[in-house]
Amino acid sequence: MSGASSFRVACVQNCAGPDIDENLAAVEDAIRKATDEDAALVCLPENFSCLHESDGSYLEDGYTEDNHPALPRLASLAAERDVWLLLGSLTIALPDGRLNNRCVLLDNEGRIQARYNKIHLFDVTIRDGQSYKESALVAPGGEQVVAEVPWGKLGLTICYDVRFPHLYRDLAKAGAHFLTVPAAFTAKTGAAHWHSLLRARAIETGCYVFAPGQCGRRSWGRATFGHSLIIDPWGEVLADGGEESGYVIADVDVDEVDRVRTMIPALTHDRPYA
């Protein structure tokens, strides 16, 4: 494995609403504090810059990647603080009138190094009556993304993707040492499944998992679970963000990926079956 043998990662946890300036100010403050603690990679949640009550409001915003207000601000901050930033997801307007739910990776000079459009869209009806149909306006991505970072390779996913383990296995087989799962998990499903799913993805792949999540309740009632997690390749939780806004931080021993995969080389043990 190339790159440094250790680094410090942080996951920011915020409670975004419709005010982009307010949301960006909150995450910028958390990024500054995390880099004061020597974080070299800081990961932000899904929809960290704006969470609307209605998906149609994202169409009204009409932000393309070229004019989204979050990108120049955070690119400038990445360069100022000499930090890699995972912008968990931005809602990007497409020419066909739909949207992409897009993760963007910025390097420590503020340059875009990777983009990932969410593949699996959140179309669910929960027993308490909550219903979501992300596919009504969001176009699914169709490509897995593994990005080079100074410490190895980073596999990009978003939120609902976590329920599709084959994606994570494919990312690991494509060389990923670290997996990112920025999310705005509902409080209901998060309490039931968040920790179990993320620990399973780490254990199955022998990867570190960095999962920044939104927290808190919005004025229209939507509650997100929080509990941003940093998990090692053995499935141990190194940091848990709880329920409040802020960030968590942990040291990553890159060589632990190889040690765990040597003990349990499951990625090499696939066999055909009917």
Protein backbone atom coordinates (compact mmCIF):
# COMPACT_ATOMS: atom_id res chain seq x y z
CA MET A 1 0.00 0.00 0.00
CA SER A 2 1.40 3.38 -0.99
CA GLY A 3 1.24 6.62 0.94
CA ALA A 4 1.69 7.57 4.58
CA SER A 5 1.15 4.85 7.18
CA SER A 6 -1.21 6.93 9.29
CA PHE A 7 -3.40 10.03 9.17
CA ARG A 8 -6.20 11.68 11.09
CA VAL A 9 -9.76 11.75 9.73
CA ALA A 10 -12.75 13.76 10.93
CA CYS A 11 -16.47 13.42 10.21
CA VAL A 12 -18.60 16.55 10.52
CA GLN A 13 -22.17 16.28 11.79
CA ASN A 14 -24.64 19.10 11.13
CA CYS A 15 -28.39 19.78 11.06
CA ALA A 16 -28.86 21.44 7.69
CA GLY A 17 -31.96 23.38 6.76
CA PRO A 18 -32.80 25.48 3.69
CA ASP A 19 -30.40 28.37 4.50
CA ILE A 20 -27.19 27.60 2.60
CA ASP A 21 -25.13 30.41 4.14
CA GLU A 22 -26.05 29.30 7.64
CA ASN A 23 -25.27 25.65 6.87
CA LEU A 24 -21.94 26.46 5.25
CA ALA A 25 -20.90 28.67 8.15
CA ALA A 26 -21.55 25.77 10.54
CA VAL A 27 -19.56 23.19 8.57
CA GLU A 28 -16.72 25.64 7.89
CA ASP A 29 -16.40 26.21 11.63
CA ALA A 30 -16.27 22.45 12.24
CA ILE A 31 -13.67 21.99 9.49
CA ARG A 32 -11.46 24.68 11.02
CA LYS A 33 -11.70 23.07 14.45
CA ALA A 34 -10.98 19.60 13.06
CA THR A 35 -7.93 20.83 11.16
CA ASP A 36 -6.74 22.55 14.33
CA GLU A 37 -6.58 18.97 15.64
CA ASP A 38 -4.54 17.91 12.58
CA ALA A 39 -7.29 16.25 10.56
CA ALA A 40 -5.90 15.60 7.07
CA LEU A 41 -9.24 14.41 5.63
CA VAL A 42 -12.57 15.89 6.71
CA CYS A 43 -15.82 14.28 5.54
CA LEU A 44 -19.17 16.11 5.39
CA PRO A 45 -22.66 14.56 5.38
CA GLU A 46 -25.16 14.10 2.56
CA ASN A 47 -26.93 17.39 1.71
CA PHE A 48 -24.73 19.20 4.24
CA SER A 49 -25.17 22.57 2.51
CA CYS A 50 -28.94 22.49 2.12
CA LEU A 51 -31.80 20.24 3.20
CA HIS A 52 -35.19 21.28 1.83
CA GLU A 53 -38.61 20.04 2.88
CA SER A 54 -39.49 19.32 -0.76
CA ASP A 55 -37.24 17.87 -3.46
CA GLY A 56 -38.84 20.32 -5.88
CA SER A 57 -37.08 23.15 -4.05
CA TYR A 58 -33.73 21.83 -5.28
CA LEU A 59 -34.98 22.27 -8.84
CA GLU A 60 -35.99 25.82 -8.00
CA ASP A 61 -32.46 26.47 -6.70
CA GLY A 62 -31.17 25.29 -10.07
CA TYR A 63 -27.57 24.92 -8.93
CA THR A 64 -25.25 23.26 -11.41
CA GLU A 65 -21.79 22.17 -10.34
CA ASP A 66 -20.39 25.33 -11.94
CA ASN A 67 -22.53 27.73 -9.89
CA HIS A 68 -23.16 25.87 -6.63
CA PRO A 69 -22.19 28.29 -3.81
CA ALA A 70 -20.69 25.55 -1.63
CA LEU A 71 -17.92 24.60 -4.05
CA PRO A 72 -15.85 27.80 -4.23
CA ARG A 73 -16.18 28.42 -0.49
CA LEU A 74 -15.03 24.94 0.47
CA ALA A 75 -12.36 24.78 -2.23
CA SER A 76 -10.89 27.95 -0.79
CA LEU A 77 -11.04 26.53 2.74
CA ALA A 78 -9.41 23.25 1.66
CA ALA A 79 -6.47 25.19 0.26
CA GLU A 80 -6.30 27.54 3.25
CA ARG A 81 -6.29 24.68 5.77
CA ASP A 82 -4.25 22.21 3.67
CA VAL A 83 -6.94 19.53 4.06
CA TRP A 84 -8.71 17.06 1.80
CA LEU A 85 -12.48 17.53 1.93
CA LEU A 86 -15.19 15.02 1.10
CA LEU A 87 -18.29 17.05 0.26
CA GLY A 88 -20.78 14.36 1.23
CA SER A 89 -23.36 15.36 -1.35
CA LEU A 90 -24.59 18.36 -3.30
CA THR A 91 -27.85 18.44 -5.23
CA ILE A 92 -26.85 19.28 -8.80
CA ALA A 93 -29.30 20.34 -11.53
CA LEU A 94 -29.07 18.45 -14.83
CA PRO A 95 -30.00 19.64 -18.34
CA ASP A 96 -32.90 17.15 -18.54
CA GLY A 97 -34.69 18.76 -15.58
CA ARG A 98 -33.64 16.15 -13.05
CA LEU A 99 -30.97 16.22 -10.34
CA ASN A 100 -27.90 14.30 -9.30
CA ASN A 101 -27.15 13.62 -5.65
CA ARG A 102 -23.39 14.11 -6.07
CA CYS A 103 -20.41 13.57 -3.80
CA VAL A 104 -17.35 15.70 -4.61
CA LEU A 105 -13.81 15.07 -3.34
CA LEU A 106 -11.53 18.11 -3.05
CA ASP A 107 -7.79 17.84 -2.55
CA ASN A 108 -5.75 20.06 -0.24
CA GLU A 109 -5.38 22.67 -2.96
CA GLY A 110 -9.15 22.88 -3.50
CA ARG A 111 -9.16 20.97 -6.79
CA ILE A 112 -11.86 18.42 -7.62
CA GLN A 113 -10.29 14.96 -7.64
CA ALA A 114 -13.42 12.80 -7.92
CA ARG A 115 -17.18 12.91 -8.37
CA TYR A 116 -19.69 10.22 -7.49
CA ASN A 117 -23.41 10.31 -8.30
CA LYS A 118 -25.54 8.29 -5.87
CA ILE A 119 -26.48 4.98 -7.47
CA HIS A 120 -29.19 3.65 -5.15
CA LEU A 121 -32.07 6.06 -4.60
CA PHE A 122 -34.15 6.23 -1.43
CA ASP A 123 -37.65 5.07 -2.44
CA VAL A 124 -39.18 3.69 0.77
CA THR A 125 -42.29 3.66 2.91
CA ILE A 126 -41.63 3.13 6.61
CA ARG A 127 -44.22 1.61 8.95
CA ASP A 128 -44.75 4.88 10.86
CA GLY A 129 -46.07 6.50 7.67
CA GLN A 130 -42.92 8.23 6.44
CA SER A 131 -42.56 7.96 2.68
CA TYR A 132 -39.70 9.03 0.41
CA LYS A 133 -39.30 8.76 -3.37
CA GLU A 134 -35.89 10.15 -4.28
CA SER A 135 -36.16 8.79 -7.82
CA ALA A 136 -39.05 11.12 -8.62
CA LEU A 137 -36.56 13.90 -9.36
CA VAL A 138 -33.07 12.42 -8.91
CA ALA A 139 -31.30 10.57 -11.72
CA PRO A 140 -29.30 7.58 -10.44
CA GLY A 141 -25.59 7.34 -11.02
CA GLY A 142 -24.24 4.35 -12.88
CA GLU A 143 -20.55 4.17 -12.03
CA GLN A 144 -18.60 3.11 -8.96
CA VAL A 145 -15.83 5.52 -8.00
CA VAL A 146 -12.51 4.82 -6.28
CA ALA A 147 -10.34 7.90 -5.78
CA GLU A 148 -6.63 8.21 -5.07
CA VAL A 149 -5.82 10.03 -1.82
CA PRO A 150 -2.38 10.44 -0.19
CA TRP A 151 -2.94 7.44 2.09
CA GLY A 152 -4.39 4.91 -0.35
CA LYS A 153 -7.68 4.59 -2.20
CA LEU A 154 -11.09 5.93 -1.17
CA GLY A 155 -14.36 4.32 -2.27
CA LEU A 156 -17.25 6.78 -2.57
CA THR A 157 -20.88 6.00 -1.71
CA ILE A 158 -23.87 7.92 -0.32
CA CYS A 159 -26.44 7.01 2.36
CA TYR A 160 -28.93 4.42 0.97
CA ASP A 161 -26.08 2.76 -0.92
CA VAL A 162 -25.09 1.22 2.42
CA ARG A 163 -27.88 -1.35 2.04
CA PHE A 164 -26.27 -2.81 -1.09
CA PRO A 165 -23.21 -4.78 0.07
CA HIS A 166 -22.13 -5.84 -3.42
CA LEU A 167 -21.21 -2.21 -4.18
CA TYR A 168 -18.80 -2.13 -1.23
CA ARG A 169 -17.28 -5.48 -2.11
CA ASP A 170 -16.72 -4.23 -5.65
CA LEU A 171 -15.11 -1.04 -4.34
CA ALA A 172 -12.79 -3.05 -2.11
CA LYS A 173 -11.87 -5.37 -4.99
CA ALA A 174 -11.15 -2.27 -7.07
CA GLY A 175 -8.54 -1.28 -4.49
CA ALA A 176 -10.40 0.80 -1.89
CA HIS A 177 -8.83 0.87 1.59
CA PHE A 178 -11.36 3.37 2.97
CA LEU A 179 -15.10 3.66 2.29
CA THR A 180 -17.13 6.84 2.74
CA VAL A 181 -20.86 6.83 3.52
CA PRO A 182 -22.10 10.43 3.96
CA ALA A 183 -25.75 10.31 4.96
CA ALA A 184 -28.91 12.01 6.13
CA PHE A 185 -30.35 8.81 7.61
CA THR A 186 -33.83 9.08 9.08
CA ALA A 187 -34.01 8.83 12.86
CA LYS A 188 -36.30 5.79 12.57
CA THR A 189 -34.13 3.71 10.23
CA GLY A 190 -30.93 4.97 11.80
CA ALA A 191 -31.88 3.72 15.25
CA ALA A 192 -32.68 0.32 13.76
CA HIS A 193 -29.92 -0.21 11.22
CA TRP A 194 -27.17 2.46 10.98
CA HIS A 195 -24.53 0.95 13.26
CA SER A 196 -25.16 -2.62 12.10
CA LEU A 197 -24.97 -1.81 8.40
CA LEU A 198 -21.82 0.27 8.64
CA ARG A 199 -19.96 -2.19 10.86
CA ALA A 200 -20.94 -4.98 8.45
CA ARG A 201 -19.57 -3.06 5.46
CA ALA A 202 -16.25 -2.59 7.27
CA ILE A 203 -16.04 -6.25 8.35
CA GLU A 204 -17.02 -7.65 4.94
CA THR A 205 -14.42 -5.61 3.07
CA GLY A 206 -11.60 -5.14 5.58
CA CYS A 207 -11.86 -1.39 4.97
CA TYR A 208 -12.07 1.63 7.20
CA VAL A 209 -15.49 3.28 7.01
CA PHE A 210 -15.99 7.04 7.37
CA ALA A 211 -19.69 7.85 7.74
CA PRO A 212 -20.61 11.48 8.47
CA GLY A 213 -24.32 11.91 9.17
CA GLN A 214 -26.78 14.71 9.60
CA CYS A 215 -28.44 15.07 12.99
CA GLY A 216 -31.38 16.93 14.56
CA ARG A 217 -35.00 17.76 13.71
CA ARG A 218 -36.14 20.36 11.18
CA SER A 219 -39.05 22.76 11.59
CA TRP A 220 -41.20 20.65 9.23
CA GLY A 221 -40.57 17.54 11.32
CA ARG A 222 -37.84 15.62 9.49
CA ALA A 223 -35.44 14.08 12.00
CA THR A 224 -32.03 12.69 11.06
CA PHE A 225 -30.11 10.18 13.12
CA GLY A 226 -26.64 11.68 13.57
CA HIS A 227 -24.14 9.22 15.07
CA SER A 228 -21.38 9.92 12.56
CA LEU A 229 -19.06 6.92 12.70
CA ILE A 230 -15.42 6.12 12.07
CA ILE A 231 -14.96 2.34 11.97
CA ASP A 232 -11.79 0.28 11.59
CA PRO A 233 -11.39 -2.77 9.30
CA TRP A 234 -12.12 -5.17 12.16
CA GLY A 235 -15.51 -3.49 12.67
CA GLU A 236 -14.59 -1.60 15.82
CA VAL A 237 -16.16 1.84 16.22
CA LEU A 238 -13.37 4.36 16.77
CA ALA A 239 -15.65 7.39 17.08
CA ASP A 240 -19.40 8.03 17.33
CA GLY A 241 -20.83 11.53 16.92
CA GLY A 242 -23.94 10.99 19.05
CA GLU A 243 -26.92 13.26 18.44
CA GLU A 244 -25.49 16.80 18.47
CA SER A 245 -23.86 18.94 15.79
CA GLY A 246 -20.08 18.98 15.75
CA TYR A 247 -17.46 16.51 14.56
CA VAL A 248 -15.64 13.33 15.53
CA ILE A 249 -12.00 12.57 14.85
CA ALA A 250 -9.80 9.48 14.93
CA ASP A 251 -6.34 8.28 13.91
CA VAL A 252 -6.22 5.85 11.00
CA ASP A 253 -3.51 3.17 10.88
CA VAL A 254 -3.40 2.45 7.15
CA ASP A 255 -1.50 -0.82 7.61
CA GLU A 256 -4.44 -2.22 9.60
CA VAL A 257 -6.24 -2.83 6.31
CA ASP A 258 -3.56 -5.28 5.16
CA ARG A 259 -3.31 -6.90 8.59
CA VAL A 260 -7.05 -7.63 8.74
CA ARG A 261 -7.23 -8.83 5.14
CA THR A 262 -4.28 -11.16 5.76
CA MET A 263 -6.05 -12.71 8.76
CA ILE A 264 -9.39 -13.04 6.96
CA PRO A 265 -8.81 -12.90 3.18
CA ALA A 266 -12.51 -13.09 2.33
CA LEU A 267 -12.13 -10.79 -0.68
CA THR A 268 -10.16 -13.59 -2.39
CA HIS A 269 -12.53 -16.42 -1.46
CA ASP A 270 -15.44 -15.88 -3.84
CA ARG A 271 -16.65 -19.10 -5.46
CA PRO A 272 -19.18 -19.59 -8.26
CA TYR A 273 -22.58 -21.01 -7.39
CA ALA A 274 -25.83 -21.63 -9.18
